[in-house]
PDB file of N, CA and C in Angstrom:
ATOM      1  N   MET A   1      13.536  -6.963  -1.291  1.00  0.00           N
ATOM      2  CA  MET A   1      12.408  -6.387  -2.001  1.00  0.00           C
ATOM      3  C   MET A   1      11.115  -7.101  -1.595  1.00  0.00           C
ATOM      4  N   SER A   2      10.054  -6.352  -1.666  1.00  0.00           N
ATOM      5  CA  SER A   2       8.728  -6.909  -1.423  1.00  0.00           C
ATOM      6  C   SER A   2       8.023  -7.064  -2.760  1.00  0.00           C
ATOM      7  N   ARG A   3       6.964  -7.849  -2.762  1.00  0.00           N
ATOM      8  CA  ARG A   3       6.182  -8.061  -3.989  1.00  0.00           C
ATOM      9  C   ARG A   3       4.731  -7.703  -3.696  1.00  0.00           C
ATOM     10  N   CYS A   4       4.150  -6.883  -4.570  1.00  0.00           N
ATOM     11  CA  CYS A   4       2.767  -6.453  -4.425  1.00  0.00           C
ATOM     12  C   CYS A   4       1.843  -7.655  -4.591  1.00  0.00           C
ATOM     13  N   LEU A   5       0.932  -7.833  -3.654  1.00  0.00           N
ATOM     14  CA  LEU A   5      -0.001  -8.950  -3.709  1.00  0.00           C
ATOM     15  C   LEU A   5      -1.077  -8.749  -4.757  1.00  0.00           C
ATOM     16  N   ARG A   6      -1.197  -7.532  -5.252  1.00  0.00           N
ATOM     17  CA  ARG A   6      -2.238  -7.232  -6.240  1.00  0.00           C
ATOM     18  C   ARG A   6      -1.729  -7.383  -7.671  1.00  0.00           C
ATOM     19  N   CYS A   7      -0.550  -6.813  -7.977  1.00  0.00           N
ATOM     20  CA  CYS A   7      -0.069  -6.820  -9.367  1.00  0.00           C
ATOM     21  C   CYS A   7       1.231  -7.590  -9.564  1.00  0.00           C
ATOM     22  N   GLY A   8       1.915  -7.937  -8.477  1.00  0.00           N
ATOM     23  CA  GLY A   8       3.155  -8.694  -8.577  1.00  0.00           C
ATOM     24  C   GLY A   8       4.409  -7.858  -8.735  1.00  0.00           C
ATOM     25  N   ALA A   9       4.275  -6.528  -8.760  1.00  0.00           N
ATOM     26  CA  ALA A   9       5.441  -5.654  -8.911  1.00  0.00           C
ATOM     27  C   ALA A   9       6.331  -5.730  -7.671  1.00  0.00           C
ATOM     28  N   GLU A  10       7.636  -5.611  -7.887  1.00  0.00           N
ATOM     29  CA  GLU A  10       8.574  -5.554  -6.762  1.00  0.00           C
ATOM     30  C   GLU A  10       8.753  -4.103  -6.333  1.00  0.00           C
ATOM     31  N   PHE A  11       8.887  -3.888  -5.033  1.00  0.00           N
ATOM     32  CA  PHE A  11       9.090  -2.542  -4.504  1.00  0.00           C
ATOM     33  C   PHE A  11       9.770  -2.650  -3.150  1.00  0.00           C
ATOM     34  N   GLY A  12      10.349  -1.554  -2.696  1.00  0.00           N
ATOM     35  CA  GLY A  12      10.995  -1.518  -1.389  1.00  0.00           C
ATOM     36  C   GLY A  12      10.003  -1.143  -0.306  1.00  0.00           C
ATOM     37  N   CYS A  13       9.934  -1.957   0.728  1.00  0.00           N
ATOM     38  CA  CYS A  13       9.054  -1.699   1.872  1.00  0.00           C
ATOM     39  C   CYS A  13       9.922  -1.436   3.095  1.00  0.00           C
ATOM     40  N   GLY A  14       9.848  -0.234   3.618  1.00  0.00           N
ATOM     41  CA  GLY A  14      10.652   0.144   4.767  1.00  0.00           C
ATOM     42  C   GLY A  14      10.309  -0.611   6.036  1.00  0.00           C
ATOM     43  N   MET A  15       9.186  -1.307   6.050  1.00  0.00           N
ATOM     44  CA  MET A  15       8.777  -2.041   7.240  1.00  0.00           C
ATOM     45  C   MET A  15       9.404  -3.428   7.305  1.00  0.00           C
ATOM     46  N   VAL A  16       9.692  -4.028   6.153  1.00  0.00           N
ATOM     47  CA  VAL A  16      10.180  -5.403   6.156  1.00  0.00           C
ATOM     48  C   VAL A  16      11.483  -5.625   5.399  1.00  0.00           C
ATOM     49  N   ASP A  17      11.871  -4.704   4.539  1.00  0.00           N
ATOM     50  CA  ASP A  17      13.086  -4.878   3.750  1.00  0.00           C
ATOM     51  C   ASP A  17      14.271  -4.228   4.448  1.00  0.00           C
ATOM     52  N   PRO A  18      15.240  -5.014   4.891  1.00  0.00           N
ATOM     53  CA  PRO A  18      16.375  -4.455   5.617  1.00  0.00           C
ATOM     54  C   PRO A  18      17.220  -3.493   4.780  1.00  0.00           C
ATOM     55  N   ALA A  19      17.183  -3.604   3.467  1.00  0.00           N
ATOM     56  CA  ALA A  19      17.978  -2.718   2.603  1.00  0.00           C
ATOM     57  C   ALA A  19      17.331  -1.342   2.440  1.00  0.00           C
ATOM     58  N   THR A  20      16.075  -1.183   2.843  1.00  0.00           N
ATOM     59  CA  THR A  20      15.371   0.092   2.717  1.00  0.00           C
ATOM     60  C   THR A  20      15.524   0.865   4.026  1.00  0.00           C
ATOM     61  N   SER A  21      16.069   2.061   3.918  1.00  0.00           N
ATOM     62  CA  SER A  21      16.283   2.854   5.136  1.00  0.00           C
ATOM     63  C   SER A  21      15.117   3.813   5.364  1.00  0.00           C
ATOM     64  N   GLY A  22      14.929   4.181   6.604  1.00  0.00           N
ATOM     65  CA  GLY A  22      13.892   5.131   6.967  1.00  0.00           C
ATOM     66  C   GLY A  22      12.513   4.501   7.000  1.00  0.00           C
ATOM     67  N   PRO A  23      11.508   5.324   7.270  1.00  0.00           N
ATOM     68  CA  PRO A  23      10.144   4.795   7.314  1.00  0.00           C
ATOM     69  C   PRO A  23       9.677   4.419   5.911  1.00  0.00           C
ATOM     70  N   CYS A  24       8.721   3.558   5.841  1.00  0.00           N
ATOM     71  CA  CYS A  24       8.194   3.119   4.557  1.00  0.00           C
ATOM     72  C   CYS A  24       7.479   4.272   3.855  1.00  0.00           C
ATOM     73  N   TRP A  25       7.545   4.291   2.540  1.00  0.00           N
ATOM     74  CA  TRP A  25       6.886   5.314   1.728  1.00  0.00           C
ATOM     75  C   TRP A  25       5.389   5.362   2.003  1.00  0.00           C
ATOM     76  N   CYS A  26       4.796   4.221   2.379  1.00  0.00           N
ATOM     77  CA  CYS A  26       3.344   4.168   2.562  1.00  0.00           C
ATOM     78  C   CYS A  26       2.879   4.969   3.779  1.00  0.00           C
ATOM     79  N   THR A  27       3.787   5.287   4.694  1.00  0.00           N
ATOM     80  CA  THR A  27       3.388   6.058   5.876  1.00  0.00           C
ATOM     81  C   THR A  27       3.023   7.495   5.504  1.00  0.00           C
ATOM     82  N   LEU A  28       3.348   7.913   4.291  1.00  0.00           N
ATOM     83  CA  LEU A  28       3.011   9.257   3.834  1.00  0.00           C
ATOM     84  C   LEU A  28       1.604   9.331   3.243  1.00  0.00           C
ATOM     85  N   LEU A  29       0.958   8.180   3.080  1.00  0.00           N
ATOM     86  CA  LEU A  29      -0.385   8.116   2.503  1.00  0.00           C
ATOM     87  C   LEU A  29      -1.402   7.797   3.590  1.00  0.00           C
ATOM     88  N   PRO A  30      -2.690   8.088   3.330  1.00  0.00           N
ATOM     89  CA  PRO A  30      -3.724   7.704   4.302  1.00  0.00           C
ATOM     90  C   PRO A  30      -3.776   6.187   4.445  1.00  0.00           C
ATOM     91  N   SER A  31      -4.299   5.744   5.559  1.00  0.00           N
ATOM     92  CA  SER A  31      -4.471   4.309   5.776  1.00  0.00           C
ATOM     93  C   SER A  31      -5.580   3.795   4.881  1.00  0.00           C
ATOM     94  N   LEU A  32      -5.400   2.589   4.389  1.00  0.00           N
ATOM     95  CA  LEU A  32      -6.414   1.941   3.576  1.00  0.00           C
ATOM     96  C   LEU A  32      -7.494   1.411   4.505  1.00  0.00           C
ATOM     97  N   PRO A  33      -8.779   1.706   4.213  1.00  0.00           N
ATOM     98  CA  PRO A  33      -9.844   1.156   5.054  1.00  0.00           C
ATOM     99  C   PRO A  33      -9.764  -0.371   5.063  1.00  0.00           C
ATOM    100  N   ALA A  34     -10.388  -0.971   6.028  1.00  0.00           N
ATOM    101  CA  ALA A  34     -10.391  -2.434   6.151  1.00  0.00           C
ATOM    102  C   ALA A  34     -10.885  -3.073   4.860  1.00  0.00           C
ATOM    103  N   LEU A  35     -10.226  -4.141   4.480  1.00  0.00           N
ATOM    104  CA  LEU A  35     -10.629  -4.893   3.296  1.00  0.00           C
ATOM    105  C   LEU A  35     -11.674  -5.930   3.698  1.00  0.00           C
ATOM    106  N   PRO A  36     -12.477  -6.387   2.746  1.00  0.00           N
ATOM    107  CA  PRO A  36     -13.503  -7.386   3.070  1.00  0.00           C
ATOM    108  C   PRO A  36     -12.883  -8.647   3.672  1.00  0.00           C
ATOM    109  N   ALA A  37     -13.630  -9.311   4.506  1.00  0.00           N
ATOM    110  CA  ALA A  37     -13.171 -10.560   5.116  1.00  0.00           C
ATOM    111  C   ALA A  37     -12.748 -11.532   4.029  1.00  0.00           C
ATOM    112  N   GLY A  38     -11.659 -12.219   4.275  1.00  0.00           N
ATOM    113  CA  GLY A  38     -11.151 -13.179   3.308  1.00  0.00           C
ATOM    114  C   GLY A  38     -10.145 -12.604   2.344  1.00  0.00           C
ATOM    115  N   SER A  39      -9.984 -11.278   2.337  1.00  0.00           N
ATOM    116  CA  SER A  39      -8.991 -10.658   1.459  1.00  0.00           C
ATOM    117  C   SER A  39      -7.608 -10.953   1.993  1.00  0.00           C
ATOM    118  N   ASP A  40      -6.704 -11.299   1.104  1.00  0.00           N
ATOM    119  CA  ASP A  40      -5.333 -11.581   1.495  1.00  0.00           C
ATOM    120  C   ASP A  40      -4.472 -10.411   1.055  1.00  0.00           C
ATOM    121  N   ALA A  41      -4.200  -9.492   1.964  1.00  0.00           N
ATOM    122  CA  ALA A  41      -3.400  -8.331   1.601  1.00  0.00           C
ATOM    123  C   ALA A  41      -2.581  -7.882   2.787  1.00  0.00           C
ATOM    124  N   SER A  42      -1.323  -7.647   2.542  1.00  0.00           N
ATOM    125  CA  SER A  42      -0.483  -7.084   3.587  1.00  0.00           C
ATOM    126  C   SER A  42       0.271  -5.879   3.062  1.00  0.00           C
ATOM    127  N   CYS A  43       0.688  -5.908   1.809  1.00  0.00           N
ATOM    128  CA  CYS A  43       1.477  -4.822   1.259  1.00  0.00           C
ATOM    129  C   CYS A  43       1.167  -4.658  -0.224  1.00  0.00           C
ATOM    130  N   PHE A  44       1.037  -3.404  -0.650  1.00  0.00           N
ATOM    131  CA  PHE A  44       0.805  -3.088  -2.050  1.00  0.00           C
ATOM    132  C   PHE A  44       1.905  -2.166  -2.543  1.00  0.00           C
ATOM    133  N   CYS A  45       2.175  -2.209  -3.844  1.00  0.00           N
ATOM    134  CA  CYS A  45       3.143  -1.295  -4.445  1.00  0.00           C
ATOM    135  C   CYS A  45       2.537   0.110  -4.435  1.00  0.00           C
ATOM    136  N   PRO A  46       3.351   1.141  -4.646  1.00  0.00           N
ATOM    137  CA  PRO A  46       2.818   2.510  -4.631  1.00  0.00           C
ATOM    138  C   PRO A  46       1.648   2.718  -5.591  1.00  0.00           C
ATOM    139  N   ALA A  47       1.735   2.206  -6.815  1.00  0.00           N
ATOM    140  CA  ALA A  47       0.659   2.409  -7.791  1.00  0.00           C
ATOM    141  C   ALA A  47      -0.636   1.748  -7.335  1.00  0.00           C
ATOM    142  N   CYS A  48      -0.563   0.515  -6.863  1.00  0.00           N
ATOM    143  CA  CYS A  48      -1.774  -0.196  -6.426  1.00  0.00           C
ATOM    144  C   CYS A  48      -2.369   0.434  -5.176  1.00  0.00           C
ATOM    145  N   LEU A  49      -1.542   0.833  -4.238  1.00  0.00           N
ATOM    146  CA  LEU A  49      -2.079   1.445  -3.018  1.00  0.00           C
ATOM    147  C   LEU A  49      -2.788   2.749  -3.355  1.00  0.00           C
ATOM    148  N   ARG A  50      -2.204   3.568  -4.218  1.00  0.00           N
ATOM    149  CA  ARG A  50      -2.866   4.820  -4.608  1.00  0.00           C
ATOM    150  C   ARG A  50      -4.200   4.533  -5.307  1.00  0.00           C
ATOM    151  N   GLU A  51      -4.218   3.544  -6.184  1.00  0.00           N
ATOM    152  CA  GLU A  51      -5.452   3.192  -6.886  1.00  0.00           C
ATOM    153  C   GLU A  51      -6.517   2.695  -5.909  1.00  0.00           C
ATOM    154  N   LEU A  52      -6.132   1.850  -4.975  1.00  0.00           N
ATOM    155  CA  LEU A  52      -7.087   1.350  -3.974  1.00  0.00           C
ATOM    156  C   LEU A  52      -7.612   2.482  -3.098  1.00  0.00           C
ATOM    157  N   LEU A  53      -6.743   3.411  -2.739  1.00  0.00           N
ATOM    158  CA  LEU A  53      -7.187   4.551  -1.933  1.00  0.00           C
ATOM    159  C   LEU A  53      -8.195   5.401  -2.706  1.00  0.00           C
ATOM    160  N   GLU A  54      -7.936   5.620  -3.997  1.00  0.00           N
ATOM    161  CA  GLU A  54      -8.872   6.393  -4.818  1.00  0.00           C
ATOM    162  C   GLU A  54     -10.225   5.702  -4.912  1.00  0.00           C
ATOM    163  N   GLN A  55     -10.231   4.376  -4.930  1.00  0.00           N
ATOM    164  CA  GLN A  55     -11.475   3.614  -5.048  1.00  0.00           C
ATOM    165  C   GLN A  55     -12.244   3.535  -3.742  1.00  0.00           C
ATOM    166  N   THR A  56     -11.556   3.615  -2.603  1.00  0.00           N
ATOM    167  CA  THR A  56     -12.234   3.369  -1.329  1.00  0.00           C
ATOM    168  C   THR A  56     -12.468   4.597  -0.474  1.00  0.00           C
ATOM    169  N   LEU A  57     -11.671   5.644  -0.647  1.00  0.00           N
ATOM    170  CA  LEU A  57     -11.853   6.843   0.173  1.00  0.00           C
ATOM    171  C   LEU A  57     -12.840   7.797  -0.481  1.00  0.00           C
ATOM    172  N   PRO A  58     -13.649   8.495   0.320  1.00  0.00           N
ATOM    173  CA  PRO A  58     -14.555   9.467  -0.265  1.00  0.00           C
ATOM    174  C   PRO A  58     -13.752  10.624  -0.873  1.00  0.00           C
ATOM    175  N   PRO A  59     -14.282  11.264  -1.913  1.00  0.00           N
ATOM    176  CA  PRO A  59     -13.560  12.384  -2.527  1.00  0.00           C
ATOM    177  C   PRO A  59     -13.387  13.520  -1.527  1.00  0.00           C
ATOM    178  N   ALA A  60     -12.301  14.249  -1.676  1.00  0.00           N
ATOM    179  CA  ALA A  60     -12.038  15.387  -0.786  1.00  0.00           C
ATOM    180  C   ALA A  60     -13.048  16.488  -1.070  1.00  0.00           C
ATOM    181  N   ILE A  61     -13.418  17.195  -0.034  1.00  0.00           N
ATOM    182  CA  ILE A  61     -14.349  18.321  -0.185  1.00  0.00           C
ATOM    183  C   ILE A  61     -13.558  19.514  -0.713  1.00  0.00           C
ATOM    184  N   PRO A  62     -14.017  20.112  -1.835  1.00  0.00           N
ATOM    185  CA  PRO A  62     -13.277  21.263  -2.409  1.00  0.00           C
ATOM    186  C   PRO A  62     -13.324  22.486  -1.549  1.00  0.00           C
TER     187      PRO A  62
END
């Protein structure tokens, strides 16, 4: 299991957890824009990644 660097939740990461099969769930989401220099982040849980994407990506055009 992996641990979210933002909230501490445990989750399965298909990139680093040998028990998780197939591609990681995060490959189905847009890439997170670059974080500010000095940020320590490599992996986020599904809830945190979705929240960060909502905060950093421009809203979709209707």
